[in-house]
Amino acid sequence: NDIVVVNRNEQQIHPGGGIYSLVWQGKRMIKRLQINPNTKILNIKSDNSNYDNLTSRLDEIKIEGKLIWYGREMK
């Protein structure tokens, strides 16, 4: 239920990785991405420990943009 701001002009993964909005297997998600420059295999990491880390080929996902801000309701 976080509110996010995504820069849709940044659809390339930075060499050091980052947090991106992406569509993978028909699901939209916000994940931390890192790409292996040699194999082009993408590591899809969740900051939430309830979710496993995943891997994918870069051509199997659509990057919608880079996360630049998020907000969370205080409880």
PDB file of N, CA and C in Angstrom:
ATOM      1  N   ASN A   1       0.800  -1.203   0.000  1.00  0.00           N
ATOM      2  CA  ASN A   1       0.000   0.000   0.000  1.00  0.00           C
ATOM      3  C   ASN A   1       0.845   1.270   0.000  1.00  0.00           C
ATOM      4  N   ASP A   2       2.116   1.161  -0.365  1.00  0.00           N
ATOM      5  CA  ASP A   2       2.959   2.347  -0.451  1.00  0.00           C
ATOM      6  C   ASP A   2       2.559   3.177  -1.666  1.00  0.00           C
ATOM      7  N   ILE A   3       2.843   4.458  -1.612  1.00  0.00           N
ATOM      8  CA  ILE A   3       2.690   5.349  -2.755  1.00  0.00           C
ATOM      9  C   ILE A   3       4.074   5.534  -3.354  1.00  0.00           C
ATOM     10  N   VAL A   4       4.182   5.377  -4.670  1.00  0.00           N
ATOM     11  CA  VAL A   4       5.484   5.476  -5.317  1.00  0.00           C
ATOM     12  C   VAL A   4       5.448   6.491  -6.449  1.00  0.00           C
ATOM     13  N   VAL A   5       6.610   7.061  -6.742  1.00  0.00           N
ATOM     14  CA  VAL A   5       6.807   7.912  -7.907  1.00  0.00           C
ATOM     15  C   VAL A   5       7.871   7.234  -8.755  1.00  0.00           C
ATOM     16  N   VAL A   6       7.530   6.996 -10.020  1.00  0.00           N
ATOM     17  CA  VAL A   6       8.420   6.286 -10.938  1.00  0.00           C
ATOM     18  C   VAL A   6       8.798   7.215 -12.087  1.00  0.00           C
ATOM     19  N   ASN A   7      10.080   7.311 -12.367  1.00  0.00           N
ATOM     20  CA  ASN A   7      10.568   8.073 -13.513  1.00  0.00           C
ATOM     21  C   ASN A   7      10.510   7.155 -14.731  1.00  0.00           C
ATOM     22  N   ARG A   8       9.495   7.344 -15.576  1.00  0.00           N
ATOM     23  CA  ARG A   8       9.307   6.492 -16.748  1.00  0.00           C
ATOM     24  C   ARG A   8      10.327   6.773 -17.856  1.00  0.00           C
ATOM     25  N   ASN A   9      11.137   7.814 -17.696  1.00  0.00           N
ATOM     26  CA  ASN A   9      12.188   8.108 -18.680  1.00  0.00           C
ATOM     27  C   ASN A   9      13.425   7.252 -18.465  1.00  0.00           C
ATOM     28  N   GLU A  10      13.511   6.584 -17.329  1.00  0.00           N
ATOM     29  CA  GLU A  10      14.667   5.729 -17.031  1.00  0.00           C
ATOM     30  C   GLU A  10      14.241   4.274 -17.099  1.00  0.00           C
ATOM     31  N   GLN A  11      14.404   3.670 -18.266  1.00  0.00           N
ATOM     32  CA  GLN A  11      13.988   2.286 -18.465  1.00  0.00           C
ATOM     33  C   GLN A  11      15.167   1.348 -18.683  1.00  0.00           C
ATOM     34  N   GLN A  12      16.366   1.862 -18.498  1.00  0.00           N
ATOM     35  CA  GLN A  12      17.574   1.040 -18.571  1.00  0.00           C
ATOM     36  C   GLN A  12      18.095   0.826 -17.157  1.00  0.00           C
ATOM     37  N   ILE A  13      18.523  -0.398 -16.867  1.00  0.00           N
ATOM     38  CA  ILE A  13      19.048  -0.699 -15.536  1.00  0.00           C
ATOM     39  C   ILE A  13      20.447  -0.100 -15.408  1.00  0.00           C
ATOM     40  N   HIS A  14      20.651   0.697 -14.382  1.00  0.00           N
ATOM     41  CA  HIS A  14      21.956   1.301 -14.126  1.00  0.00           C
ATOM     42  C   HIS A  14      22.966   0.203 -13.795  1.00  0.00           C
ATOM     43  N   PRO A  15      24.242   0.412 -14.097  1.00  0.00           N
ATOM     44  CA  PRO A  15      25.254  -0.618 -13.817  1.00  0.00           C
ATOM     45  C   PRO A  15      25.259  -1.100 -12.372  1.00  0.00           C
ATOM     46  N   GLY A  16      24.973  -0.232 -11.420  1.00  0.00           N
ATOM     47  CA  GLY A  16      24.946  -0.627 -10.016  1.00  0.00           C
ATOM     48  C   GLY A  16      23.602  -1.159  -9.562  1.00  0.00           C
ATOM     49  N   GLY A  17      22.633  -1.220 -10.473  1.00  0.00           N
ATOM     50  CA  GLY A  17      21.296  -1.680 -10.130  1.00  0.00           C
ATOM     51  C   GLY A  17      20.444  -0.551  -9.590  1.00  0.00           C
ATOM     52  N   GLY A  18      19.281  -0.900  -9.085  1.00  0.00           N
ATOM     53  CA  GLY A  18      18.370   0.086  -8.530  1.00  0.00           C
ATOM     54  C   GLY A  18      16.999  -0.526  -8.321  1.00  0.00           C
ATOM     55  N   ILE A  19      16.047   0.305  -7.937  1.00  0.00           N
ATOM     56  CA  ILE A  19      14.682  -0.156  -7.698  1.00  0.00           C
ATOM     57  C   ILE A  19      13.825   0.339  -8.863  1.00  0.00           C
ATOM     58  N   TYR A  20      13.114  -0.586  -9.483  1.00  0.00           N
ATOM     59  CA  TYR A  20      12.378  -0.297 -10.714  1.00  0.00           C
ATOM     60  C   TYR A  20      10.962  -0.839 -10.643  1.00  0.00           C
ATOM     61  N   SER A  21      10.088  -0.208 -11.430  1.00  0.00           N
ATOM     62  CA  SER A  21       8.764  -0.751 -11.702  1.00  0.00           C
ATOM     63  C   SER A  21       8.896  -1.621 -12.942  1.00  0.00           C
ATOM     64  N   LEU A  22       8.377  -2.838 -12.870  1.00  0.00           N
ATOM     65  CA  LEU A  22       8.501  -3.748 -13.997  1.00  0.00           C
ATOM     66  C   LEU A  22       7.264  -4.617 -14.131  1.00  0.00           C
ATOM     67  N   VAL A  23       7.114  -5.183 -15.312  1.00  0.00           N
ATOM     68  CA  VAL A  23       6.072  -6.173 -15.555  1.00  0.00           C
ATOM     69  C   VAL A  23       6.791  -7.458 -15.922  1.00  0.00           C
ATOM     70  N   TRP A  24       6.487  -8.512 -15.178  1.00  0.00           N
ATOM     71  CA  TRP A  24       7.108  -9.821 -15.403  1.00  0.00           C
ATOM     72  C   TRP A  24       6.033 -10.879 -15.236  1.00  0.00           C
ATOM     73  N   GLN A  25       5.902 -11.725 -16.226  1.00  0.00           N
ATOM     74  CA  GLN A  25       4.898 -12.795 -16.228  1.00  0.00           C
ATOM     75  C   GLN A  25       3.503 -12.236 -15.951  1.00  0.00           C
ATOM     76  N   GLY A  26       3.198 -11.089 -16.551  1.00  0.00           N
ATOM     77  CA  GLY A  26       1.885 -10.481 -16.428  1.00  0.00           C
ATOM     78  C   GLY A  26       1.617  -9.759 -15.120  1.00  0.00           C
ATOM     79  N   LYS A  27       2.623  -9.646 -14.267  1.00  0.00           N
ATOM     80  CA  LYS A  27       2.440  -8.997 -12.967  1.00  0.00           C
ATOM     81  C   LYS A  27       3.295  -7.741 -12.869  1.00  0.00           C
ATOM     82  N   ARG A  28       2.673  -6.645 -12.437  1.00  0.00           N
ATOM     83  CA  ARG A  28       3.406  -5.406 -12.196  1.00  0.00           C
ATOM     84  C   ARG A  28       3.945  -5.456 -10.775  1.00  0.00           C
ATOM     85  N   MET A  29       5.208  -5.054 -10.626  1.00  0.00           N
ATOM     86  CA  MET A  29       5.840  -5.087  -9.305  1.00  0.00           C
ATOM     87  C   MET A  29       6.927  -4.034  -9.215  1.00  0.00           C
ATOM     88  N   ILE A  30       7.277  -3.696  -7.992  1.00  0.00           N
ATOM     89  CA  ILE A  30       8.414  -2.821  -7.705  1.00  0.00           C
ATOM     90  C   ILE A  30       9.467  -3.713  -7.055  1.00  0.00           C
ATOM     91  N   LYS A  31      10.622  -3.811  -7.698  1.00  0.00           N
ATOM     92  CA  LYS A  31      11.677  -4.703  -7.203  1.00  0.00           C
ATOM     93  C   LYS A  31      13.038  -4.058  -7.382  1.00  0.00           C
ATOM     94  N   ARG A  32      13.971  -4.531  -6.595  1.00  0.00           N
ATOM     95  CA  ARG A  32      15.376  -4.145  -6.718  1.00  0.00           C
ATOM     96  C   ARG A  32      15.990  -5.033  -7.805  1.00  0.00           C
ATOM     97  N   LEU A  33      16.579  -4.408  -8.829  1.00  0.00           N
ATOM     98  CA  LEU A  33      17.124  -5.158  -9.954  1.00  0.00           C
ATOM     99  C   LEU A  33      18.630  -4.972 -10.054  1.00  0.00           C
ATOM    100  N   GLN A  34      19.298  -6.067 -10.408  1.00  0.00           N
ATOM    101  CA  GLN A  34      20.722  -6.039 -10.731  1.00  0.00           C
ATOM    102  C   GLN A  34      20.910  -6.951 -11.927  1.00  0.00           C
ATOM    103  N   ILE A  35      21.732  -6.510 -12.879  1.00  0.00           N
ATOM    104  CA  ILE A  35      21.964  -7.317 -14.068  1.00  0.00           C
ATOM    105  C   ILE A  35      23.423  -7.733 -14.129  1.00  0.00           C
ATOM    106  N   ASN A  36      23.645  -8.995 -14.480  1.00  0.00           N
ATOM    107  CA  ASN A  36      24.999  -9.488 -14.699  1.00  0.00           C
ATOM    108  C   ASN A  36      25.404  -9.053 -16.103  1.00  0.00           C
ATOM    109  N   PRO A  37      26.424  -8.196 -16.244  1.00  0.00           N
ATOM    110  CA  PRO A  37      26.774  -7.680 -17.567  1.00  0.00           C
ATOM    111  C   PRO A  37      27.284  -8.744 -18.529  1.00  0.00           C
ATOM    112  N   ASN A  38      27.798  -9.843 -18.013  1.00  0.00           N
ATOM    113  CA  ASN A  38      28.329 -10.900 -18.877  1.00  0.00           C
ATOM    114  C   ASN A  38      27.236 -11.831 -19.402  1.00  0.00           C
ATOM    115  N   THR A  39      26.316 -12.219 -18.525  1.00  0.00           N
ATOM    116  CA  THR A  39      25.291 -13.197 -18.919  1.00  0.00           C
ATOM    117  C   THR A  39      23.961 -12.557 -19.281  1.00  0.00           C
ATOM    118  N   LYS A  40      23.793 -11.270 -18.921  1.00  0.00           N
ATOM    119  CA  LYS A  40      22.521 -10.552 -19.105  1.00  0.00           C
ATOM    120  C   LYS A  40      21.384 -11.171 -18.293  1.00  0.00           C
ATOM    121  N   ILE A  41      21.737 -11.946 -17.264  1.00  0.00           N
ATOM    122  CA  ILE A  41      20.737 -12.504 -16.351  1.00  0.00           C
ATOM    123  C   ILE A  41      20.415 -11.444 -15.303  1.00  0.00           C
ATOM    124  N   LEU A  42      19.136 -11.270 -15.057  1.00  0.00           N
ATOM    125  CA  LEU A  42      18.639 -10.256 -14.155  1.00  0.00           C
ATOM    126  C   LEU A  42      18.318 -10.872 -12.805  1.00  0.00           C
ATOM    127  N   ASN A  43      18.845 -10.289 -11.728  1.00  0.00           N
ATOM    128  CA  ASN A  43      18.480 -10.670 -10.364  1.00  0.00           C
ATOM    129  C   ASN A  43      17.352  -9.756  -9.927  1.00  0.00           C
ATOM    130  N   ILE A  44      16.229 -10.335  -9.543  1.00  0.00           N
ATOM    131  CA  ILE A  44      15.048  -9.603  -9.104  1.00  0.00           C
ATOM    132  C   ILE A  44      14.926  -9.837  -7.608  1.00  0.00           C
ATOM    133  N   LYS A  45      15.203  -8.804  -6.831  1.00  0.00           N
ATOM    134  CA  LYS A  45      15.256  -8.951  -5.375  1.00  0.00           C
ATOM    135  C   LYS A  45      14.115  -8.180  -4.725  1.00  0.00           C
ATOM    136  N   SER A  46      13.563  -8.761  -3.683  1.00  0.00           N
ATOM    137  CA  SER A  46      12.521  -8.105  -2.914  1.00  0.00           C
ATOM    138  C   SER A  46      13.097  -7.627  -1.594  1.00  0.00           C
ATOM    139  N   ASP A  47      12.722  -6.420  -1.190  1.00  0.00           N
ATOM    140  CA  ASP A  47      13.125  -5.932   0.124  1.00  0.00           C
ATOM    141  C   ASP A  47      12.282  -6.571   1.223  1.00  0.00           C
ATOM    142  N   ASN A  48      11.176  -7.195   0.835  1.00  0.00           N
ATOM    143  CA  ASN A  48      10.295  -7.888   1.777  1.00  0.00           C
ATOM    144  C   ASN A  48      10.772  -9.332   1.902  1.00  0.00           C
ATOM    145  N   SER A  49      11.175  -9.739   3.073  1.00  0.00           N
ATOM    146  CA  SER A  49      11.733 -11.085   3.283  1.00  0.00           C
ATOM    147  C   SER A  49      10.697 -12.195   3.095  1.00  0.00           C
ATOM    148  N   ASN A  50       9.418 -11.853   2.970  1.00  0.00           N
ATOM    149  CA  ASN A  50       8.393 -12.870   2.708  1.00  0.00           C
ATOM    150  C   ASN A  50       8.420 -13.359   1.263  1.00  0.00           C
ATOM    151  N   TYR A  51       9.169 -12.678   0.404  1.00  0.00           N
ATOM    152  CA  TYR A  51       9.240 -13.039  -1.006  1.00  0.00           C
ATOM    153  C   TYR A  51      10.644 -13.498  -1.358  1.00  0.00           C
ATOM    154  N   ASP A  52      10.727 -14.543  -2.181  1.00  0.00           N
ATOM    155  CA  ASP A  52      12.010 -15.066  -2.627  1.00  0.00           C
ATOM    156  C   ASP A  52      12.605 -14.170  -3.708  1.00  0.00           C
ATOM    157  N   ASN A  53      13.916 -14.198  -3.819  1.00  0.00           N
ATOM    158  CA  ASN A  53      14.587 -13.539  -4.927  1.00  0.00           C
ATOM    159  C   ASN A  53      14.381 -14.388  -6.176  1.00  0.00           C
ATOM    160  N   LEU A  54      14.352 -13.730  -7.326  1.00  0.00           N
ATOM    161  CA  LEU A  54      14.083 -14.407  -8.594  1.00  0.00           C
ATOM    162  C   LEU A  54      15.173 -14.061  -9.599  1.00  0.00           C
ATOM    163  N   THR A  55      15.247 -14.819 -10.682  1.00  0.00           N
ATOM    164  CA  THR A  55      16.123 -14.479 -11.792  1.00  0.00           C
ATOM    165  C   THR A  55      15.327 -14.571 -13.079  1.00  0.00           C
ATOM    166  N   SER A  56      15.758 -13.802 -14.071  1.00  0.00           N
ATOM    167  CA  SER A  56      15.079 -13.782 -15.357  1.00  0.00           C
ATOM    168  C   SER A  56      16.051 -13.291 -16.417  1.00  0.00           C
ATOM    169  N   ARG A  57      15.732 -13.586 -17.657  1.00  0.00           N
ATOM    170  CA  ARG A  57      16.468 -12.971 -18.759  1.00  0.00           C
ATOM    171  C   ARG A  57      15.892 -11.573 -18.962  1.00  0.00           C
ATOM    172  N   LEU A  58      16.725 -10.660 -19.366  1.00  0.00           N
ATOM    173  CA  LEU A  58      16.308  -9.277 -19.537  1.00  0.00           C
ATOM    174  C   LEU A  58      15.175  -9.143 -20.558  1.00  0.00           C
ATOM    175  N   ASP A  59      15.173  -9.993 -21.580  1.00  0.00           N
ATOM    176  CA  ASP A  59      14.135  -9.891 -22.613  1.00  0.00           C
ATOM    177  C   ASP A  59      12.789 -10.466 -22.176  1.00  0.00           C
ATOM    178  N   GLU A  60      12.695 -11.000 -20.962  1.00  0.00           N
ATOM    179  CA  GLU A  60      11.442 -11.561 -20.451  1.00  0.00           C
ATOM    180  C   GLU A  60      10.660 -10.562 -19.598  1.00  0.00           C
ATOM    181  N   ILE A  61      11.211  -9.360 -19.383  1.00  0.00           N
ATOM    182  CA  ILE A  61      10.525  -8.378 -18.551  1.00  0.00           C
ATOM    183  C   ILE A  61      10.389  -7.059 -19.305  1.00  0.00           C
ATOM    184  N   LYS A  62       9.486  -6.235 -18.826  1.00  0.00           N
ATOM    185  CA  LYS A  62       9.346  -4.869 -19.345  1.00  0.00           C
ATOM    186  C   LYS A  62       9.601  -3.924 -18.180  1.00  0.00           C
ATOM    187  N   ILE A  63      10.625  -3.117 -18.304  1.00  0.00           N
ATOM    188  CA  ILE A  63      10.925  -2.138 -17.266  1.00  0.00           C
ATOM    189  C   ILE A  63      10.119  -0.881 -17.566  1.00  0.00           C
ATOM    190  N   GLU A  64       9.295  -0.470 -16.601  1.00  0.00           N
ATOM    191  CA  GLU A  64       8.442   0.704 -16.786  1.00  0.00           C
ATOM    192  C   GLU A  64       9.124   1.995 -16.332  1.00  0.00           C
ATOM    193  N   GLY A  65      10.078   1.899 -15.435  1.00  0.00           N
ATOM    194  CA  GLY A  65      10.790   3.084 -14.972  1.00  0.00           C
ATOM    195  C   GLY A  65      11.478   2.843 -13.651  1.00  0.00           C
ATOM    196  N   LYS A  66      12.267   3.830 -13.245  1.00  0.00           N
ATOM    197  CA  LYS A  66      13.051   3.736 -12.008  1.00  0.00           C
ATOM    198  C   LYS A  66      12.317   4.442 -10.878  1.00  0.00           C
ATOM    199  N   LEU A  67      12.245   3.795  -9.742  1.00  0.00           N
ATOM    200  CA  LEU A  67      11.607   4.376  -8.561  1.00  0.00           C
ATOM    201  C   LEU A  67      12.463   5.533  -8.052  1.00  0.00           C
ATOM    202  N   ILE A  68      11.831   6.686  -7.836  1.00  0.00           N
ATOM    203  CA  ILE A  68      12.587   7.836  -7.330  1.00  0.00           C
ATOM    204  C   ILE A  68      12.089   8.309  -5.974  1.00  0.00           C
ATOM    205  N   TRP A  69      10.900   7.836  -5.549  1.00  0.00           N
ATOM    206  CA  TRP A  69      10.367   8.246  -4.243  1.00  0.00           C
ATOM    207  C   TRP A  69       9.281   7.271  -3.830  1.00  0.00           C
ATOM    208  N   TYR A  70       9.137   7.036  -2.507  1.00  0.00           N
ATOM    209  CA  TYR A  70       8.003   6.291  -2.012  1.00  0.00           C
ATOM    210  C   TYR A  70       7.570   6.872  -0.665  1.00  0.00           C
ATOM    211  N   GLY A  71       6.299   6.687  -0.351  1.00  0.00           N
ATOM    212  CA  GLY A  71       5.760   7.141   0.920  1.00  0.00           C
ATOM    213  C   GLY A  71       4.903   6.042   1.524  1.00  0.00           C
ATOM    214  N   ARG A  72       4.826   6.040   2.825  1.00  0.00           N
ATOM    215  CA  ARG A  72       4.100   4.999   3.549  1.00  0.00           C
ATOM    216  C   ARG A  72       3.249   5.641   4.631  1.00  0.00           C
ATOM    217  N   GLU A  73       2.045   5.149   4.802  1.00  0.00           N
ATOM    218  CA  GLU A  73       1.167   5.653   5.838  1.00  0.00           C
ATOM    219  C   GLU A  73       1.694   5.243   7.211  1.00  0.00           C
ATOM    220  N   MET A  74       1.703   6.172   8.132  1.00  0.00           N
ATOM    221  CA  MET A  74       2.130   5.892   9.505  1.00  0.00           C
ATOM    222  C   MET A  74       0.997   5.207  10.239  1.00  0.00           C
ATOM    223  N   LYS A  75       1.318   4.170  10.981  1.00  0.00           N
ATOM    224  CA  LYS A  75       0.303   3.441  11.749  1.00  0.00           C
ATOM    225  C   LYS A  75       0.610   3.514  13.216  1.00  0.00           C
TER     226      LYS A  75
END
